C-alpha atoms as a PDB file:
ATOM      1  CA  MET A   1      10.836  97.053  38.799  1.00  0.00           C
ATOM      2  CA  ALA A   2       7.441  95.647  37.880  1.00  0.00           C
ATOM      3  CA  VAL A   3       6.690  92.003  38.509  1.00  0.00           C
ATOM      4  CA  VAL A   4       4.290  90.271  36.164  1.00  0.00           C
ATOM      5  CA  ARG A   5       2.732  87.043  37.347  1.00  0.00           C
ATOM      6  CA  VAL A   6       2.117  84.520  34.631  1.00  0.00           C
ATOM      7  CA  ARG A   7      -0.459  81.915  35.522  1.00  0.00           C
ATOM      8  CA  GLU A   8       0.222  78.457  34.186  1.00  0.00           C
ATOM      9  CA  PRO A   9      -2.751  76.959  32.344  1.00  0.00           C
ATOM     10  CA  SER A  10      -4.470  74.149  34.154  1.00  0.00           C
ATOM     11  CA  LEU A  11      -3.809  70.525  33.268  1.00  0.00           C
ATOM     12  CA  PHE A  12      -7.188  70.377  31.535  1.00  0.00           C
ATOM     13  CA  TRP A  13      -6.374  73.264  29.191  1.00  0.00           C
ATOM     14  CA  ARG A  14      -2.857  71.993  28.515  1.00  0.00           C
ATOM     15  CA  ARG A  15      -4.317  68.665  27.432  1.00  0.00           C
ATOM     16  CA  ALA A  16      -7.001  70.373  25.358  1.00  0.00           C
ATOM     17  CA  ARG A  17      -4.377  72.486  23.576  1.00  0.00           C
ATOM     18  CA  ARG A  18      -2.220  69.433  22.939  1.00  0.00           C
ATOM     19  CA  ASP A  19      -5.188  67.452  21.584  1.00  0.00           C
ATOM     20  CA  ARG A  20      -6.141  70.348  19.336  1.00  0.00           C
ATOM     21  CA  GLN A  21      -2.646  70.539  17.927  1.00  0.00           C
ATOM     22  CA  ARG A  22      -2.600  66.803  17.253  1.00  0.00           C
ATOM     23  CA  ALA A  23      -6.128  66.593  15.903  1.00  0.00           C
ATOM     24  CA  ILE A  24      -6.800  65.391  12.390  1.00  0.00           C
ATOM     25  CA  GLN A  25      -9.544  67.134  10.496  1.00  0.00           C
ATOM     26  CA  PRO A  26     -12.648  64.896  10.438  1.00  0.00           C
ATOM     27  CA  VAL A  27     -12.916  64.379   6.676  1.00  0.00           C
ATOM     28  CA  GLY A  28     -15.253  61.540   5.696  1.00  0.00           C
ATOM     29  CA  PRO A  29     -15.312  59.284   2.658  1.00  0.00           C
ATOM     30  CA  ALA A  30     -16.922  60.258  -0.638  1.00  0.00           C
ATOM     31  CA  LEU A  31     -20.672  59.766  -0.258  1.00  0.00           C
ATOM     32  CA  PRO A  32     -23.747  60.364  -2.443  1.00  0.00           C
ATOM     33  CA  ALA A  33     -25.615  63.634  -2.166  1.00  0.00           C
ATOM     34  CA  GLY A  34     -27.813  64.046   0.910  1.00  0.00           C
ATOM     35  CA  ALA A  35     -31.078  65.869   1.460  1.00  0.00           C
ATOM     36  CA  ILE A  36     -33.775  66.401   4.062  1.00  0.00           C
ATOM     37  CA  VAL A  37     -37.202  65.115   3.011  1.00  0.00           C
ATOM     38  CA  ARG A  38     -40.226  66.276   4.989  1.00  0.00           C
ATOM     39  CA  VAL A  39     -42.570  63.311   5.373  1.00  0.00           C
ATOM     40  CA  PRO A  40     -46.053  64.495   6.388  1.00  0.00           C
ATOM     41  CA  GLY A  41     -47.150  63.093   9.703  1.00  0.00           C
ATOM     42  CA  ARG A  42     -43.691  61.651  10.403  1.00  0.00           C
ATOM     43  CA  GLY A  43     -40.979  64.330  10.390  1.00  0.00           C
ATOM     44  CA  ASP A  44     -37.838  65.380   8.547  1.00  0.00           C
ATOM     45  CA  VAL A  45     -35.909  62.395   7.166  1.00  0.00           C
ATOM     46  CA  PHE A  46     -32.274  62.664   6.095  1.00  0.00           C
ATOM     47  CA  VAL A  47     -31.558  60.537   3.035  1.00  0.00           C
ATOM     48  CA  ARG A  48     -28.661  59.973   0.667  1.00  0.00           C
ATOM     49  CA  TYR A  49     -29.511  59.226  -2.940  1.00  0.00           C
ATOM     50  CA  SER A  50     -27.733  58.096  -6.082  1.00  0.00           C
ATOM     51  CA  ALA A  51     -29.546  57.570  -9.376  1.00  0.00           C
ATOM     52  CA  GLY A  52     -29.261  54.415 -11.428  1.00  0.00           C
ATOM     53  CA  PRO A  53     -30.064  53.723 -15.069  1.00  0.00           C
ATOM     54  CA  PRO A  54     -33.645  53.996 -16.370  1.00  0.00           C
ATOM     55  CA  GLY A  55     -35.744  51.015 -15.321  1.00  0.00           C
ATOM     56  CA  ALA A  56     -33.314  49.962 -12.581  1.00  0.00           C
ATOM     57  CA  PRO A  57     -34.770  48.792  -9.247  1.00  0.00           C
ATOM     58  CA  THR A  58     -34.808  51.078  -6.234  1.00  0.00           C
ATOM     59  CA  VAL A  59     -32.887  49.885  -3.172  1.00  0.00           C
ATOM     60  CA  LEU A  60     -33.596  51.319   0.285  1.00  0.00           C
ATOM     61  CA  LEU A  61     -30.767  50.845   2.817  1.00  0.00           C
ATOM     62  CA  LEU A  62     -31.580  50.733   6.552  1.00  0.00           C
ATOM     63  CA  HIS A  63     -28.608  50.889   8.915  1.00  0.00           C
ATOM     64  CA  GLY A  64     -27.983  49.185  12.234  1.00  0.00           C
ATOM     65  CA  TRP A  65     -28.101  50.208  15.872  1.00  0.00           C
ATOM     66  CA  MET A  66     -25.847  53.096  16.987  1.00  0.00           C
ATOM     67  CA  ALA A  67     -24.860  53.784  13.379  1.00  0.00           C
ATOM     68  CA  SER A  68     -26.025  56.005  10.533  1.00  0.00           C
ATOM     69  CA  ALA A  69     -26.389  55.607   6.791  1.00  0.00           C
ATOM     70  CA  ASP A  70     -22.948  57.164   6.330  1.00  0.00           C
ATOM     71  CA  LEU A  71     -21.246  54.844   8.819  1.00  0.00           C
ATOM     72  CA  ASN A  72     -23.050  51.688   7.728  1.00  0.00           C
ATOM     73  CA  TRP A  73     -23.042  51.771   3.925  1.00  0.00           C
ATOM     74  CA  PRO A  74     -19.903  53.426   2.429  1.00  0.00           C
ATOM     75  CA  GLY A  75     -18.869  50.245   0.587  1.00  0.00           C
ATOM     76  CA  THR A  76     -22.446  49.444  -0.454  1.00  0.00           C
ATOM     77  CA  PHE A  77     -22.974  52.852  -2.057  1.00  0.00           C
ATOM     78  CA  GLU A  78     -20.044  52.147  -4.348  1.00  0.00           C
ATOM     79  CA  ALA A  79     -21.102  48.544  -5.087  1.00  0.00           C
ATOM     80  CA  LEU A  80     -24.630  49.535  -6.147  1.00  0.00           C
ATOM     81  CA  ALA A  81     -23.702  52.740  -7.984  1.00  0.00           C
ATOM     82  CA  GLY A  82     -24.747  52.695 -11.624  1.00  0.00           C
ATOM     83  CA  ARG A  83     -26.840  49.530 -11.148  1.00  0.00           C
ATOM     84  CA  CYS A  84     -29.711  50.657  -8.931  1.00  0.00           C
ATOM     85  CA  HIS A  85     -31.419  53.761  -7.648  1.00  0.00           C
ATOM     86  CA  VAL A  86     -30.066  53.847  -4.085  1.00  0.00           C
ATOM     87  CA  LEU A  87     -31.682  55.483  -1.052  1.00  0.00           C
ATOM     88  CA  ALA A  88     -30.098  55.354   2.401  1.00  0.00           C
ATOM     89  CA  MET A  89     -31.945  57.011   5.268  1.00  0.00           C
ATOM     90  CA  ASP A  90     -30.991  57.754   8.848  1.00  0.00           C
ATOM     91  CA  VAL A  91     -33.602  56.041  10.991  1.00  0.00           C
ATOM     92  CA  ARG A  92     -35.168  57.984  13.838  1.00  0.00           C
ATOM     93  CA  GLY A  93     -32.954  58.589  16.833  1.00  0.00           C
ATOM     94  CA  HIS A  94     -29.764  57.964  14.812  1.00  0.00           C
ATOM     95  CA  GLY A  95     -27.491  60.196  12.741  1.00  0.00           C
ATOM     96  CA  ARG A  96     -29.538  63.059  11.317  1.00  0.00           C
ATOM     97  CA  GLY A  97     -32.778  61.092  11.641  1.00  0.00           C
ATOM     98  CA  ILE A  98     -36.098  62.136  13.142  1.00  0.00           C
ATOM     99  CA  ARG A  99     -35.988  63.204  16.790  1.00  0.00           C
ATOM    100  CA  SER A 100     -39.138  62.655  18.787  1.00  0.00           C
ATOM    101  CA  THR A 101     -40.326  62.896  22.355  1.00  0.00           C
ATOM    102  CA  GLU A 102     -42.239  59.644  21.835  1.00  0.00           C
ATOM    103  CA  PRO A 103     -40.613  56.369  22.953  1.00  0.00           C
ATOM    104  CA  PHE A 104     -38.504  54.731  20.263  1.00  0.00           C
ATOM    105  CA  SER A 105     -40.167  51.884  18.362  1.00  0.00           C
ATOM    106  CA  LEU A 106     -39.116  49.791  15.389  1.00  0.00           C
ATOM    107  CA  GLU A 107     -42.666  50.058  14.048  1.00  0.00           C
ATOM    108  CA  ASP A 108     -42.285  53.838  13.824  1.00  0.00           C
ATOM    109  CA  CYS A 109     -39.045  53.350  11.910  1.00  0.00           C
ATOM    110  CA  ALA A 110     -40.822  51.064   9.431  1.00  0.00           C
ATOM    111  CA  ASP A 111     -43.616  53.616   8.977  1.00  0.00           C
ATOM    112  CA  ASP A 112     -41.016  56.369   8.455  1.00  0.00           C
ATOM    113  CA  ALA A 113     -39.368  54.357   5.680  1.00  0.00           C
ATOM    114  CA  ALA A 114     -42.679  53.643   3.949  1.00  0.00           C
ATOM    115  CA  GLY A 115     -43.614  57.310   4.262  1.00  0.00           C
ATOM    116  CA  LEU A 116     -40.316  58.316   2.654  1.00  0.00           C
ATOM    117  CA  LEU A 117     -41.011  56.128  -0.390  1.00  0.00           C
ATOM    118  CA  ARG A 118     -44.518  57.531  -0.631  1.00  0.00           C
ATOM    119  CA  GLU A 119     -43.336  61.121  -0.393  1.00  0.00           C
ATOM    120  CA  LEU A 120     -40.700  60.541  -3.089  1.00  0.00           C
ATOM    121  CA  GLY A 121     -43.324  59.018  -5.392  1.00  0.00           C
ATOM    122  CA  LEU A 122     -41.713  55.578  -5.356  1.00  0.00           C
ATOM    123  CA  ARG A 123     -44.061  52.628  -5.540  1.00  0.00           C
ATOM    124  CA  GLU A 124     -41.739  50.017  -4.050  1.00  0.00           C
ATOM    125  CA  ALA A 125     -38.133  49.187  -3.229  1.00  0.00           C
ATOM    126  CA  VAL A 126     -35.855  46.293  -2.401  1.00  0.00           C
ATOM    127  CA  VAL A 127     -35.327  46.937   1.314  1.00  0.00           C
ATOM    128  CA  VAL A 128     -31.892  46.087   2.710  1.00  0.00           C
ATOM    129  CA  GLY A 129     -31.524  46.054   6.490  1.00  0.00           C
ATOM    130  CA  TYR A 130     -28.371  45.655   8.567  1.00  0.00           C
ATOM    131  CA  SER A 131     -28.854  44.141  12.048  1.00  0.00           C
ATOM    132  CA  MET A 132     -31.523  46.414  13.579  1.00  0.00           C
ATOM    133  CA  GLY A 133     -32.265  47.609  10.058  1.00  0.00           C
ATOM    134  CA  GLY A 134     -33.219  44.024   9.205  1.00  0.00           C
ATOM    135  CA  ALA A 135     -35.879  44.074  11.912  1.00  0.00           C
ATOM    136  CA  ILE A 136     -37.202  47.353  10.499  1.00  0.00           C
ATOM    137  CA  ALA A 137     -37.237  45.833   6.989  1.00  0.00           C
ATOM    138  CA  LEU A 138     -39.255  42.834   8.199  1.00  0.00           C
ATOM    139  CA  LEU A 139     -41.763  45.119   9.919  1.00  0.00           C
ATOM    140  CA  MET A 140     -41.997  47.231   6.784  1.00  0.00           C
ATOM    141  CA  ALA A 141     -42.805  44.132   4.720  1.00  0.00           C
ATOM    142  CA  ARG A 142     -45.528  43.222   7.216  1.00  0.00           C
ATOM    143  CA  ARG A 143     -47.042  46.683   7.707  1.00  0.00           C
ATOM    144  CA  HIS A 144     -46.556  48.032   4.165  1.00  0.00           C
ATOM    145  CA  PRO A 145     -46.339  44.990   1.862  1.00  0.00           C
ATOM    146  CA  GLY A 146     -47.081  47.014  -1.260  1.00  0.00           C
ATOM    147  CA  ARG A 147     -43.930  49.073  -0.713  1.00  0.00           C
ATOM    148  CA  VAL A 148     -41.512  46.144  -0.436  1.00  0.00           C
ATOM    149  CA  ARG A 149     -40.335  44.559  -3.669  1.00  0.00           C
ATOM    150  CA  GLY A 150     -37.973  42.241  -1.813  1.00  0.00           C
ATOM    151  CA  LEU A 151     -35.923  41.862   1.364  1.00  0.00           C
ATOM    152  CA  VAL A 152     -32.193  41.573   1.990  1.00  0.00           C
ATOM    153  CA  LEU A 153     -31.185  40.969   5.600  1.00  0.00           C
ATOM    154  CA  VAL A 154     -27.533  41.648   6.475  1.00  0.00           C
ATOM    155  CA  ALA A 155     -26.085  40.363   9.767  1.00  0.00           C
ATOM    156  CA  SER A 156     -29.694  40.148  10.920  1.00  0.00           C
ATOM    157  CA  ALA A 157     -32.373  37.649  11.878  1.00  0.00           C
ATOM    158  CA  ALA A 158     -36.002  37.302  12.903  1.00  0.00           C
ATOM    159  CA  GLU A 159     -35.017  37.868  16.522  1.00  0.00           C
ATOM    160  CA  LEU A 160     -31.831  39.597  17.578  1.00  0.00           C
ATOM    161  CA  ALA A 161     -31.355  39.468  21.332  1.00  0.00           C
ATOM    162  CA  ARG A 162     -32.052  35.934  22.540  1.00  0.00           C
ATOM    163  CA  THR A 163     -28.591  34.395  22.306  1.00  0.00           C
ATOM    164  CA  GLY A 164     -24.920  35.314  22.287  1.00  0.00           C
ATOM    165  CA  LEU A 165     -24.082  38.856  23.285  1.00  0.00           C
ATOM    166  CA  GLY A 166     -27.746  39.748  23.128  1.00  0.00           C
ATOM    167  CA  ARG A 167     -28.617  37.932  26.364  1.00  0.00           C
ATOM    168  CA  GLY A 168     -27.535  40.854  28.488  1.00  0.00           C
ATOM    169  CA  LEU A 169     -28.720  43.535  26.110  1.00  0.00           C
ATOM    170  CA  THR A 170     -31.757  44.671  28.080  1.00  0.00           C
ATOM    171  CA  ALA A 171     -29.637  45.512  31.123  1.00  0.00           C
ATOM    172  CA  ALA A 172     -26.629  46.797  29.168  1.00  0.00           C
ATOM    173  CA  VAL A 173     -28.430  49.486  27.160  1.00  0.00           C
ATOM    174  CA  HIS A 174     -28.710  51.731  30.215  1.00  0.00           C
ATOM    175  CA  LEU A 175     -24.941  51.525  30.720  1.00  0.00           C
ATOM    176  CA  LEU A 176     -24.407  52.391  27.061  1.00  0.00           C
ATOM    177  CA  GLY A 177     -26.302  55.627  27.467  1.00  0.00           C
ATOM    178  CA  ALA A 178     -24.089  56.687  30.360  1.00  0.00           C
ATOM    179  CA  LEU A 179     -21.004  55.585  28.419  1.00  0.00           C
ATOM    180  CA  VAL A 180     -21.834  57.833  25.474  1.00  0.00           C
ATOM    181  CA  ARG A 181     -22.476  60.781  27.795  1.00  0.00           C
ATOM    182  CA  SER A 182     -19.077  60.262  29.453  1.00  0.00           C
ATOM    183  CA  GLY A 183     -17.108  60.725  26.222  1.00  0.00           C
ATOM    184  CA  VAL A 184     -15.193  57.475  26.790  1.00  0.00           C
ATOM    185  CA  PRO A 185     -15.767  56.184  23.208  1.00  0.00           C
ATOM    186  CA  ASP A 186     -14.092  59.311  21.792  1.00  0.00           C
ATOM    187  CA  ARG A 187     -11.056  58.878  24.022  1.00  0.00           C
ATOM    188  CA  VAL A 188     -10.790  55.170  23.263  1.00  0.00           C
ATOM    189  CA  LEU A 189     -10.956  55.802  19.524  1.00  0.00           C
ATOM    190  CA  ARG A 190      -8.306  58.517  19.720  1.00  0.00           C
ATOM    191  CA  GLU A 191      -6.037  56.222  21.703  1.00  0.00           C
ATOM    192  CA  VAL A 192      -6.484  53.374  19.218  1.00  0.00           C
ATOM    193  CA  VAL A 193      -5.657  55.684  16.311  1.00  0.00           C
ATOM    194  CA  ARG A 194      -2.579  56.995  18.121  1.00  0.00           C
ATOM    195  CA  SER A 195      -1.107  53.765  19.490  1.00  0.00           C
ATOM    196  CA  ARG A 196      -2.477  51.004  17.233  1.00  0.00           C
ATOM    197  CA  PRO A 197      -3.413  52.353  13.811  1.00  0.00           C
ATOM    198  CA  ALA A 198      -3.117  48.849  12.327  1.00  0.00           C
ATOM    199  CA  VAL A 199      -6.263  47.816  14.217  1.00  0.00           C
ATOM    200  CA  LEU A 200      -8.367  50.102  12.022  1.00  0.00           C
ATOM    201  CA  GLY A 201      -6.296  49.549   8.881  1.00  0.00           C
ATOM    202  CA  ASP A 202      -7.423  51.812   6.044  1.00  0.00           C
ATOM    203  CA  LEU A 203     -10.097  53.290   8.301  1.00  0.00           C
ATOM    204  CA  ALA A 204      -7.558  54.899  10.656  1.00  0.00           C
ATOM    205  CA  GLU A 205      -7.617  58.161   8.707  1.00  0.00           C
ATOM    206  CA  LEU A 206     -11.421  58.206   8.926  1.00  0.00           C
ATOM    207  CA  ALA A 207     -11.467  57.707  12.705  1.00  0.00           C
ATOM    208  CA  PRO A 208     -12.005  61.409  13.581  1.00  0.00           C
ATOM    209  CA  TRP A 209     -14.927  61.571  11.158  1.00  0.00           C
ATOM    210  CA  MET A 210     -16.373  58.339  12.587  1.00  0.00           C
ATOM    211  CA  ALA A 211     -16.100  59.742  16.104  1.00  0.00           C
ATOM    212  CA  GLY A 212     -17.962  62.844  14.980  1.00  0.00           C
ATOM    213  CA  GLU A 213     -20.747  60.725  13.478  1.00  0.00           C
ATOM    214  CA  VAL A 214     -21.103  58.751  16.710  1.00  0.00           C
ATOM    215  CA  LYS A 215     -21.571  62.038  18.585  1.00  0.00           C
ATOM    216  CA  ARG A 216     -24.866  62.501  16.740  1.00  0.00           C
ATOM    217  CA  LEU A 217     -26.341  59.770  18.943  1.00  0.00           C
ATOM    218  CA  HIS A 218     -28.418  60.734  21.945  1.00  0.00           C
ATOM    219  CA  PRO A 219     -28.202  58.460  25.008  1.00  0.00           C
ATOM    220  CA  ALA A 220     -31.994  58.221  25.348  1.00  0.00           C
ATOM    221  CA  ASP A 221     -32.309  57.078  21.735  1.00  0.00           C
ATOM    222  CA  ILE A 222     -29.624  54.432  22.239  1.00  0.00           C
ATOM    223  CA  VAL A 223     -31.445  53.063  25.258  1.00  0.00           C
ATOM    224  CA  GLY A 224     -34.846  53.096  23.549  1.00  0.00           C
ATOM    225  CA  ALA A 225     -33.560  51.408  20.404  1.00  0.00           C
ATOM    226  CA  GLY A 226     -31.703  48.795  22.426  1.00  0.00           C
ATOM    227  CA  GLN A 227     -34.835  47.932  24.382  1.00  0.00           C
ATOM    228  CA  ALA A 228     -36.827  47.667  21.154  1.00  0.00           C
ATOM    229  CA  ILE A 229     -34.230  45.297  19.700  1.00  0.00           C
ATOM    230  CA  ALA A 230     -34.306  43.163  22.840  1.00  0.00           C
ATOM    231  CA  GLY A 231     -38.078  42.752  22.534  1.00  0.00           C
ATOM    232  CA  PHE A 232     -38.226  42.105  18.782  1.00  0.00           C
ATOM    233  CA  ASP A 233     -39.297  38.661  17.536  1.00  0.00           C
ATOM    234  CA  ALA A 234     -40.694  38.165  14.030  1.00  0.00           C
ATOM    235  CA  ARG A 235     -40.715  34.364  14.069  1.00  0.00           C
ATOM    236  CA  PRO A 236     -44.480  33.989  14.709  1.00  0.00           C
ATOM    237  CA  TRP A 237     -45.365  35.881  11.512  1.00  0.00           C
ATOM    238  CA  LEU A 238     -42.321  35.410   9.304  1.00  0.00           C
ATOM    239  CA  ASP A 239     -44.048  32.959   6.955  1.00  0.00           C
ATOM    240  CA  GLU A 240     -46.823  35.500   6.272  1.00  0.00           C
ATOM    241  CA  LEU A 241     -44.586  37.897   4.350  1.00  0.00           C
ATOM    242  CA  GLY A 242     -44.366  36.123   1.007  1.00  0.00           C
ATOM    243  CA  VAL A 243     -41.771  38.408  -0.623  1.00  0.00           C
ATOM    244  CA  PRO A 244     -38.510  37.423  -2.377  1.00  0.00           C
ATOM    245  CA  ALA A 245     -35.691  37.488   0.155  1.00  0.00           C
ATOM    246  CA  ALA A 246     -31.990  36.874   0.646  1.00  0.00           C
ATOM    247  CA  SER A 247     -29.638  37.007   3.602  1.00  0.00           C
ATOM    248  CA  VAL A 248     -26.033  38.150   3.736  1.00  0.00           C
ATOM    249  CA  VAL A 249     -24.703  35.930   6.520  1.00  0.00           C
ATOM    250  CA  THR A 250     -21.702  37.224   8.466  1.00  0.00           C
ATOM    251  CA  CYS A 251     -20.012  33.948   9.358  1.00  0.00           C
ATOM    252  CA  GLY A 252     -17.878  35.335  12.183  1.00  0.00           C
ATOM    253  CA  ASP A 253     -20.750  37.160  13.874  1.00  0.00           C
ATOM    254  CA  ARG A 254     -20.907  36.818  17.655  1.00  0.00           C
ATOM    255  CA  ALA A 255     -23.809  39.212  18.151  1.00  0.00           C
ATOM    256  CA  VAL A 256     -26.312  37.675  15.702  1.00  0.00           C
ATOM    257  CA  GLY A 257     -25.098  34.125  15.163  1.00  0.00           C
ATOM    258  CA  PRO A 258     -24.706  32.747  11.624  1.00  0.00           C
ATOM    259  CA  ALA A 259     -27.010  29.802  12.423  1.00  0.00           C
ATOM    260  CA  LYS A 260     -29.755  32.228  13.399  1.00  0.00           C
ATOM    261  CA  GLN A 261     -29.232  34.206  10.214  1.00  0.00           C
ATOM    262  CA  ARG A 262     -29.427  31.057   8.056  1.00  0.00           C
ATOM    263  CA  ALA A 263     -32.565  29.887   9.879  1.00  0.00           C
ATOM    264  CA  THR A 264     -34.276  33.203   9.104  1.00  0.00           C
ATOM    265  CA  ALA A 265     -33.301  32.919   5.439  1.00  0.00           C
ATOM    266  CA  ALA A 266     -34.746  29.386   5.331  1.00  0.00           C
ATOM    267  CA  ALA A 267     -38.000  30.540   6.941  1.00  0.00           C
ATOM    268  CA  LEU A 268     -38.292  33.274   4.302  1.00  0.00           C
ATOM    269  CA  GLY A 269     -37.427  30.828   1.519  1.00  0.00           C
ATOM    270  CA  GLY A 270     -34.531  33.122   0.596  1.00  0.00           C
ATOM    271  CA  ALA A 271     -31.055  32.725  -0.836  1.00  0.00           C
ATOM    272  CA  VAL A 272     -27.921  32.973   1.312  1.00  0.00           C
ATOM    273  CA  VAL A 273     -24.737  34.898   0.527  1.00  0.00           C
ATOM    274  CA  GLU A 274     -21.991  34.178   3.061  1.00  0.00           C
ATOM    275  CA  VAL A 275     -19.083  36.473   3.929  1.00  0.00           C
ATOM    276  CA  GLU A 276     -16.185  36.024   6.325  1.00  0.00           C
ATOM    277  CA  GLY A 277     -16.574  38.758   8.868  1.00  0.00           C
ATOM    278  CA  GLY A 278     -18.112  39.803  12.157  1.00  0.00           C
ATOM    279  CA  HIS A 279     -20.997  42.003  13.169  1.00  0.00           C
ATOM    280  CA  ALA A 280     -19.016  45.221  12.579  1.00  0.00           C
ATOM    281  CA  MET A 281     -18.109  44.247   9.032  1.00  0.00           C
ATOM    282  CA  CYS A 282     -19.774  47.374   7.680  1.00  0.00           C
ATOM    283  CA  ALA A 283     -16.876  49.296   9.231  1.00  0.00           C
ATOM    284  CA  THR A 284     -14.019  46.778   9.126  1.00  0.00           C
ATOM    285  CA  ASP A 285     -14.476  45.528   5.540  1.00  0.00           C
ATOM    286  CA  PRO A 286     -17.034  47.736   3.766  1.00  0.00           C
ATOM    287  CA  GLU A 287     -15.990  46.822   0.207  1.00  0.00           C
ATOM    288  CA  VAL A 288     -16.431  43.078   0.739  1.00  0.00           C
ATOM    289  CA  LEU A 289     -19.763  43.676   2.441  1.00  0.00           C
ATOM    290  CA  GLY A 290     -20.891  45.967  -0.374  1.00  0.00           C
ATOM    291  CA  ALA A 291     -20.106  43.326  -2.996  1.00  0.00           C
ATOM    292  CA  ALA A 292     -22.091  40.736  -1.026  1.00  0.00           C
ATOM    293  CA  VAL A 293     -25.075  43.072  -0.689  1.00  0.00           C
ATOM    294  CA  GLY A 294     -24.934  43.659  -4.440  1.00  0.00           C
ATOM    295  CA  ARG A 295     -25.112  39.917  -5.116  1.00  0.00           C
ATOM    296  CA  ALA A 296     -28.012  39.512  -2.703  1.00  0.00           C
ATOM    297  CA  VAL A 297     -29.944  42.361  -4.339  1.00  0.00           C
ATOM    298  CA  ASP A 298     -29.397  40.746  -7.752  1.00  0.00           C
ATOM    299  CA  LEU A 299     -30.773  37.441  -6.435  1.00  0.00           C
ATOM    300  CA  VAL A 300     -33.866  39.114  -5.002  1.00  0.00           C
ATOM    301  CA  VAL A 301     -34.562  41.064  -8.196  1.00  0.00           C
ATOM    302  CA  ALA A 302     -34.124  37.888 -10.287  1.00  0.00           C
ATOM    303  CA  ALA A 303     -36.416  35.946  -7.931  1.00  0.00           C
ATOM    304  CA  ARG A 304     -39.031  38.678  -8.217  1.00  0.00           C
ATOM    305  CA  GLY A 305     -38.829  38.473 -12.022  1.00  0.00           C
ATOM    306  CA  ALA A 306     -39.127  34.681 -12.012  1.00  0.00           C
ATOM    307  CA  ARG A 307     -42.027  34.857  -9.563  1.00  0.00           C
ATOM    308  CA  ARG A 308     -43.788  37.379 -11.791  1.00  0.00           C
ATOM    309  CA  GLU A 309     -43.304  35.158 -14.846  1.00  0.00           C
ATOM    310  CA  ARG A 310     -44.775  32.175 -12.990  1.00  0.00           C
ATOM    311  CA  TRP A 311     -47.699  34.323 -11.879  1.00  0.00           C
ATOM    312  CA  LEU A 312     -48.357  35.430 -15.445  1.00  0.00           C
ATOM    313  CA  VAL A 313     -48.240  31.829 -16.711  1.00  0.00           C
ATOM    314  CA  ARG A 314     -50.689  30.735 -14.024  1.00  0.00           C
ATOM    315  CA  ALA A 315     -52.952  33.698 -14.804  1.00  0.00           C
ATOM    316  CA  VAL A 316     -53.005  32.806 -18.510  1.00  0.00           C
ATOM    317  CA  VAL A 317     -53.783  29.164 -17.730  1.00  0.00           C
ATOM    318  CA  ARG A 318     -56.599  30.169 -15.363  1.00  0.00           C
ATOM    319  CA  ARG A 319     -58.030  32.525 -17.996  1.00  0.00           C
ATOM    320  CA  ARG A 320     -58.003  29.830 -20.666  1.00  0.00           C
ATOM    321  CA  ARG A 321     -59.708  27.357 -18.367  1.00  0.00           C
ATOM    322  CA  ALA A 322     -62.343  29.922 -17.467  1.00  0.00           C
ATOM    323  CA  ASP A 323     -62.975  30.698 -21.146  1.00  0.00           C
ATOM    324  CA  GLU A 324     -63.319  26.996 -21.941  1.00  0.00           C
ATOM    325  CA  ALA A 325     -65.761  26.508 -19.083  1.00  0.00           C
ATOM    326  CA  ILE A 326     -68.156  29.209 -20.247  1.00  0.00           C
ATOM    327  CA  ALA A 327     -67.879  28.616 -24.019  1.00  0.00           C
ATOM    328  CA  PRO A 328     -71.121  27.072 -25.498  1.00  0.00           C
ATOM    329  CA  ALA A 329     -70.842  23.459 -26.658  1.00  0.00           C
ATOM    330  CA  PRO A 330     -71.101  22.985 -30.474  1.00  0.00           C
ATOM    331  CA  ALA A 331     -74.627  21.964 -31.605  1.00  0.00           C
ATOM    332  CA  ALA A 332     -74.892  18.298 -32.593  1.00  0.00           C
ATOM    333  CA  ALA A 333     -76.486  17.504 -35.974  1.00  0.00           C
ATOM    334  CA  ALA A 334     -80.027  16.094 -35.666  1.00  0.00           C
ATOM    335  CA  GLU A 335     -80.309  12.462 -36.678  1.00  0.00           C
ATOM    336  CA  GLU A 336     -83.475  10.520 -37.525  1.00  0.00           C
ATOM    337  CA  PRO A 337     -83.947   7.337 -35.528  1.00  0.00           C
ATOM    338  CA  GLY A 338     -82.760   4.301 -37.346  1.00  0.00           C
ATOM    339  CA  GLU A 339     -80.921   6.249 -40.065  1.00  0.00           C
ATOM    340  CA  PRO A 340     -77.219   5.617 -40.633  1.00  0.00           C
ATOM    341  CA  ALA A 341     -74.791   8.255 -39.420  1.00  0.00           C
ATOM    342  CA  ASP A 342     -74.010   9.347 -42.956  1.00  0.00           C
ATOM    343  CA  ALA A 343     -77.630   9.713 -44.037  1.00  0.00           C
ATOM    344  CA  LEU A 344     -77.368  13.467 -44.570  1.00  0.00           C
ATOM    345  CA  GLU A 345     -74.343  13.074 -46.759  1.00  0.00           C
ATOM    346  CA  VAL A 346     -76.233  10.524 -48.887  1.00  0.00           C
ATOM    347  CA  ALA A 347     -79.191  12.920 -49.206  1.00  0.00           C
ATOM    348  CA  VAL A 348     -76.921  15.695 -50.387  1.00  0.00           C
END
């Protein structure tokens, strides 16, 4: 009688099989069409695009740290659809963005964004930046002012890592890199979906897709971007920008405090749109955030129009004054000494 030995699978493979059986297919939300745009001298930029009506402004969306355009802007895509031409790019080192052996810098990200507009034949855009994306937007306005029609900062400020949770950012970024490599975020997300789906609310069904998007991050890019954020400070040159601006202030934000966000808006002379939410509002309440971004974009576009009208009025006034200054004075009628002023009329 033959004896067949059956080897029990290891604990690792039993768990892997169980996880595979329980897995939910990572289906994401409906998003605009995406494409890769080769930007000469920069690299291949992934961008999502939706067309607006003729004559509508172009809006460029720049996401935050450890996110991507898809993760950061799902509610904003919907809010701006049909009103604006919308571009949302993955910044370098994030999502499907440019990968480089050079150290990460926010300045490079700003140059990438300007290069994308140039390559697409777009003269300018209203640039909307979330958290780290706000820093990139400010640098873009400084380095490429002709490309920036206006600024909208969302959960962002002129400096991001001086107070609150940012105090320990410089040291913590190295731990974040190791954390991503370990796979802990995936396991935590799976456990939250399994045991506490109410925490994620409507996003619970998107959790597998979100976990897949996070896997696009590379630990070195996380560390480099975190260090760049920690060293960013636009306050010395903020008043040089001179573009219409608005800020969407996240009032429950513990990473970039609301007071700091309002102070940046005041320094830019911009409007403020306040929303009740924290720093992760792009994921926890994307529809509310999208509506707020839409209002802020409208304010910036209206301010740009009003500013242009004032400029035209001033230009017309200056032209009239210049014409008056160079116009020859009318010749005065010659008068004989001692004659009355109406002597010529009498002679006629």
